[in-house]
N, C-alpha and C. Protein backbone atom coordinates (compact mmCIF):
# COMPACT_ATOMS: atom_id res chain seq x y z
N MET A 1 3.95 26.16 -21.15
CA MET A 1 3.47 26.28 -19.79
C MET A 1 4.27 25.31 -18.91
N THR A 2 4.71 25.78 -17.79
CA THR A 2 5.49 24.94 -16.89
C THR A 2 4.59 24.33 -15.82
N GLU A 3 5.01 23.17 -15.35
CA GLU A 3 4.27 22.49 -14.30
C GLU A 3 4.80 22.90 -12.93
N SER A 4 3.95 22.81 -11.94
CA SER A 4 4.40 23.02 -10.57
C SER A 4 5.00 21.71 -10.07
N LEU A 5 5.81 21.81 -9.05
CA LEU A 5 6.40 20.61 -8.45
C LEU A 5 5.30 19.70 -7.90
N GLY A 6 4.24 20.29 -7.38
CA GLY A 6 3.13 19.51 -6.84
C GLY A 6 2.40 18.70 -7.89
N THR A 7 2.53 19.09 -9.15
CA THR A 7 1.93 18.35 -10.27
C THR A 7 2.95 17.42 -10.91
N ALA A 8 4.17 17.92 -11.07
CA ALA A 8 5.21 17.17 -11.78
C ALA A 8 5.68 15.95 -11.00
N LEU A 9 5.85 16.08 -9.69
CA LEU A 9 6.35 14.95 -8.90
C LEU A 9 5.39 13.76 -8.91
N PRO A 10 4.09 13.96 -8.64
CA PRO A 10 3.19 12.80 -8.72
C PRO A 10 3.13 12.17 -10.12
N ALA A 11 3.24 13.00 -11.16
CA ALA A 11 3.25 12.47 -12.52
C ALA A 11 4.49 11.62 -12.76
N GLU A 12 5.63 12.08 -12.27
CA GLU A 12 6.87 11.33 -12.42
C GLU A 12 6.83 10.04 -11.60
N MET A 13 6.23 10.10 -10.42
CA MET A 13 6.07 8.91 -9.60
C MET A 13 5.22 7.88 -10.34
N ALA A 14 4.15 8.32 -10.96
CA ALA A 14 3.27 7.41 -11.70
C ALA A 14 4.00 6.81 -12.90
N ARG A 15 4.81 7.60 -13.60
CA ARG A 15 5.56 7.09 -14.74
C ARG A 15 6.51 5.98 -14.31
N VAL A 16 7.25 6.21 -13.24
CA VAL A 16 8.20 5.20 -12.77
C VAL A 16 7.45 3.97 -12.27
N ARG A 17 6.40 4.17 -11.49
CA ARG A 17 5.64 3.05 -10.92
C ARG A 17 4.91 2.24 -11.98
N ASP A 18 4.29 2.92 -12.95
CA ASP A 18 3.40 2.23 -13.89
C ASP A 18 4.05 1.84 -15.22
N VAL A 19 5.17 2.48 -15.57
CA VAL A 19 5.79 2.20 -16.86
C VAL A 19 7.19 1.61 -16.69
N VAL A 20 8.04 2.30 -15.96
CA VAL A 20 9.45 1.90 -15.89
C VAL A 20 9.63 0.62 -15.09
N ILE A 21 9.09 0.56 -13.89
CA ILE A 21 9.28 -0.64 -13.05
C ILE A 21 8.74 -1.89 -13.73
N PRO A 22 7.51 -1.87 -14.27
CA PRO A 22 7.04 -3.10 -14.95
C PRO A 22 7.94 -3.53 -16.11
N ALA A 23 8.49 -2.57 -16.84
CA ALA A 23 9.40 -2.92 -17.94
C ALA A 23 10.67 -3.57 -17.41
N TYR A 24 11.22 -3.04 -16.34
CA TYR A 24 12.42 -3.62 -15.75
C TYR A 24 12.13 -5.01 -15.19
N GLU A 25 10.97 -5.19 -14.60
CA GLU A 25 10.64 -6.49 -14.00
C GLU A 25 10.55 -7.61 -15.03
N THR A 26 10.30 -7.27 -16.28
CA THR A 26 10.25 -8.30 -17.32
C THR A 26 11.63 -8.84 -17.65
N CYS A 27 12.68 -8.15 -17.18
CA CYS A 27 14.06 -8.60 -17.44
C CYS A 27 14.51 -9.70 -16.50
N GLY A 28 13.70 -10.00 -15.50
CA GLY A 28 14.03 -11.07 -14.57
C GLY A 28 14.93 -10.62 -13.44
N PRO A 29 15.68 -11.56 -12.87
CA PRO A 29 16.48 -11.28 -11.68
C PRO A 29 17.58 -10.23 -11.86
N VAL A 30 18.02 -10.00 -13.09
CA VAL A 30 19.09 -9.02 -13.29
C VAL A 30 18.66 -7.60 -12.96
N SER A 31 17.36 -7.36 -12.87
CA SER A 31 16.86 -6.01 -12.62
C SER A 31 16.48 -5.77 -11.16
N ILE A 32 16.71 -6.74 -10.29
CA ILE A 32 16.26 -6.64 -8.90
C ILE A 32 16.81 -5.38 -8.22
N PHE A 33 18.10 -5.11 -8.38
CA PHE A 33 18.70 -3.96 -7.71
C PHE A 33 18.11 -2.65 -8.24
N ALA A 34 17.97 -2.54 -9.55
CA ALA A 34 17.42 -1.31 -10.14
C ALA A 34 15.99 -1.08 -9.67
N VAL A 35 15.18 -2.11 -9.64
CA VAL A 35 13.79 -2.00 -9.18
C VAL A 35 13.75 -1.61 -7.71
N ALA A 36 14.62 -2.18 -6.91
CA ALA A 36 14.68 -1.82 -5.49
C ALA A 36 15.02 -0.35 -5.31
N CYS A 37 15.96 0.15 -6.11
CA CYS A 37 16.32 1.58 -6.03
C CYS A 37 15.14 2.46 -6.42
N MET A 38 14.43 2.07 -7.45
CA MET A 38 13.27 2.85 -7.90
C MET A 38 12.19 2.88 -6.82
N LYS A 39 11.93 1.73 -6.22
CA LYS A 39 10.91 1.66 -5.17
C LYS A 39 11.31 2.48 -3.96
N HIS A 40 12.60 2.48 -3.64
CA HIS A 40 13.10 3.30 -2.54
C HIS A 40 12.85 4.78 -2.84
N ASP A 41 13.14 5.20 -4.06
CA ASP A 41 12.93 6.59 -4.43
C ASP A 41 11.44 6.95 -4.46
N LEU A 42 10.60 6.02 -4.84
CA LEU A 42 9.15 6.27 -4.78
C LEU A 42 8.69 6.46 -3.34
N ASP A 43 9.24 5.68 -2.43
CA ASP A 43 8.92 5.85 -1.01
C ASP A 43 9.40 7.21 -0.51
N ARG A 44 10.61 7.61 -0.91
CA ARG A 44 11.13 8.93 -0.53
C ARG A 44 10.21 10.03 -1.05
N ALA A 45 9.74 9.90 -2.29
CA ALA A 45 8.87 10.91 -2.89
C ALA A 45 7.55 11.00 -2.13
N ALA A 46 6.97 9.86 -1.81
CA ALA A 46 5.70 9.86 -1.08
C ALA A 46 5.87 10.49 0.30
N ARG A 47 6.96 10.19 0.95
CA ARG A 47 7.23 10.76 2.27
C ARG A 47 7.43 12.27 2.17
N ALA A 48 8.18 12.72 1.17
CA ALA A 48 8.43 14.15 0.99
C ALA A 48 7.13 14.90 0.71
N LEU A 49 6.27 14.31 -0.10
CA LEU A 49 4.97 14.93 -0.38
C LEU A 49 4.13 15.03 0.89
N ALA A 50 4.09 13.95 1.64
CA ALA A 50 3.28 13.91 2.86
C ALA A 50 3.77 14.92 3.89
N GLU A 51 5.09 15.10 3.95
CA GLU A 51 5.66 16.00 4.94
C GLU A 51 5.80 17.43 4.43
N GLY A 52 5.55 17.63 3.14
CA GLY A 52 5.70 18.96 2.57
C GLY A 52 7.15 19.42 2.50
N ASP A 53 8.07 18.48 2.39
CA ASP A 53 9.51 18.77 2.35
C ASP A 53 9.92 19.11 0.92
N VAL A 54 9.92 20.41 0.60
CA VAL A 54 10.15 20.86 -0.77
C VAL A 54 11.56 20.52 -1.24
N VAL A 55 12.55 20.66 -0.39
CA VAL A 55 13.93 20.35 -0.77
C VAL A 55 14.05 18.88 -1.16
N GLU A 56 13.48 17.99 -0.37
CA GLU A 56 13.52 16.56 -0.68
C GLU A 56 12.68 16.25 -1.92
N MET A 57 11.57 16.95 -2.09
CA MET A 57 10.73 16.75 -3.28
C MET A 57 11.52 17.06 -4.54
N ILE A 58 12.28 18.15 -4.53
CA ILE A 58 13.09 18.51 -5.69
C ILE A 58 14.16 17.46 -5.94
N ALA A 59 14.84 17.03 -4.89
CA ALA A 59 15.91 16.05 -5.03
C ALA A 59 15.39 14.72 -5.58
N VAL A 60 14.30 14.25 -5.05
CA VAL A 60 13.78 12.95 -5.49
C VAL A 60 13.14 13.07 -6.88
N TYR A 61 12.58 14.21 -7.21
CA TYR A 61 12.05 14.43 -8.56
C TYR A 61 13.17 14.30 -9.59
N ARG A 62 14.29 14.93 -9.29
CA ARG A 62 15.45 14.83 -10.21
C ARG A 62 15.92 13.38 -10.32
N GLU A 63 15.91 12.67 -9.22
CA GLU A 63 16.34 11.26 -9.23
C GLU A 63 15.39 10.41 -10.06
N LEU A 64 14.09 10.59 -9.87
CA LEU A 64 13.10 9.80 -10.61
C LEU A 64 13.21 10.04 -12.11
N ARG A 65 13.55 11.26 -12.50
CA ARG A 65 13.67 11.57 -13.92
C ARG A 65 14.83 10.84 -14.59
N THR A 66 15.78 10.34 -13.81
CA THR A 66 16.93 9.65 -14.41
C THR A 66 16.58 8.23 -14.85
N TYR A 67 15.48 7.69 -14.37
CA TYR A 67 15.10 6.31 -14.72
C TYR A 67 14.48 6.28 -16.11
N LYS A 68 15.11 5.53 -16.99
CA LYS A 68 14.67 5.43 -18.38
C LYS A 68 14.43 3.98 -18.75
N LEU A 69 13.71 3.79 -19.83
CA LEU A 69 13.49 2.44 -20.35
C LEU A 69 14.65 2.00 -21.22
């Protein structure tokens, strides 16, 4: 079963916010740039959801999926 973008994007946002960013923050100052990029993309995702911008939602969803532990 496939997920809708309306379900997948918030789930990916939660994964990055609750799992990936805290893991990166434990690395100290060397992770500042990566964390800033992730937070920027989370802001983009929230804005795209609020505005109903499907094209931006797809783009930022793909970007969020690239963040790994």
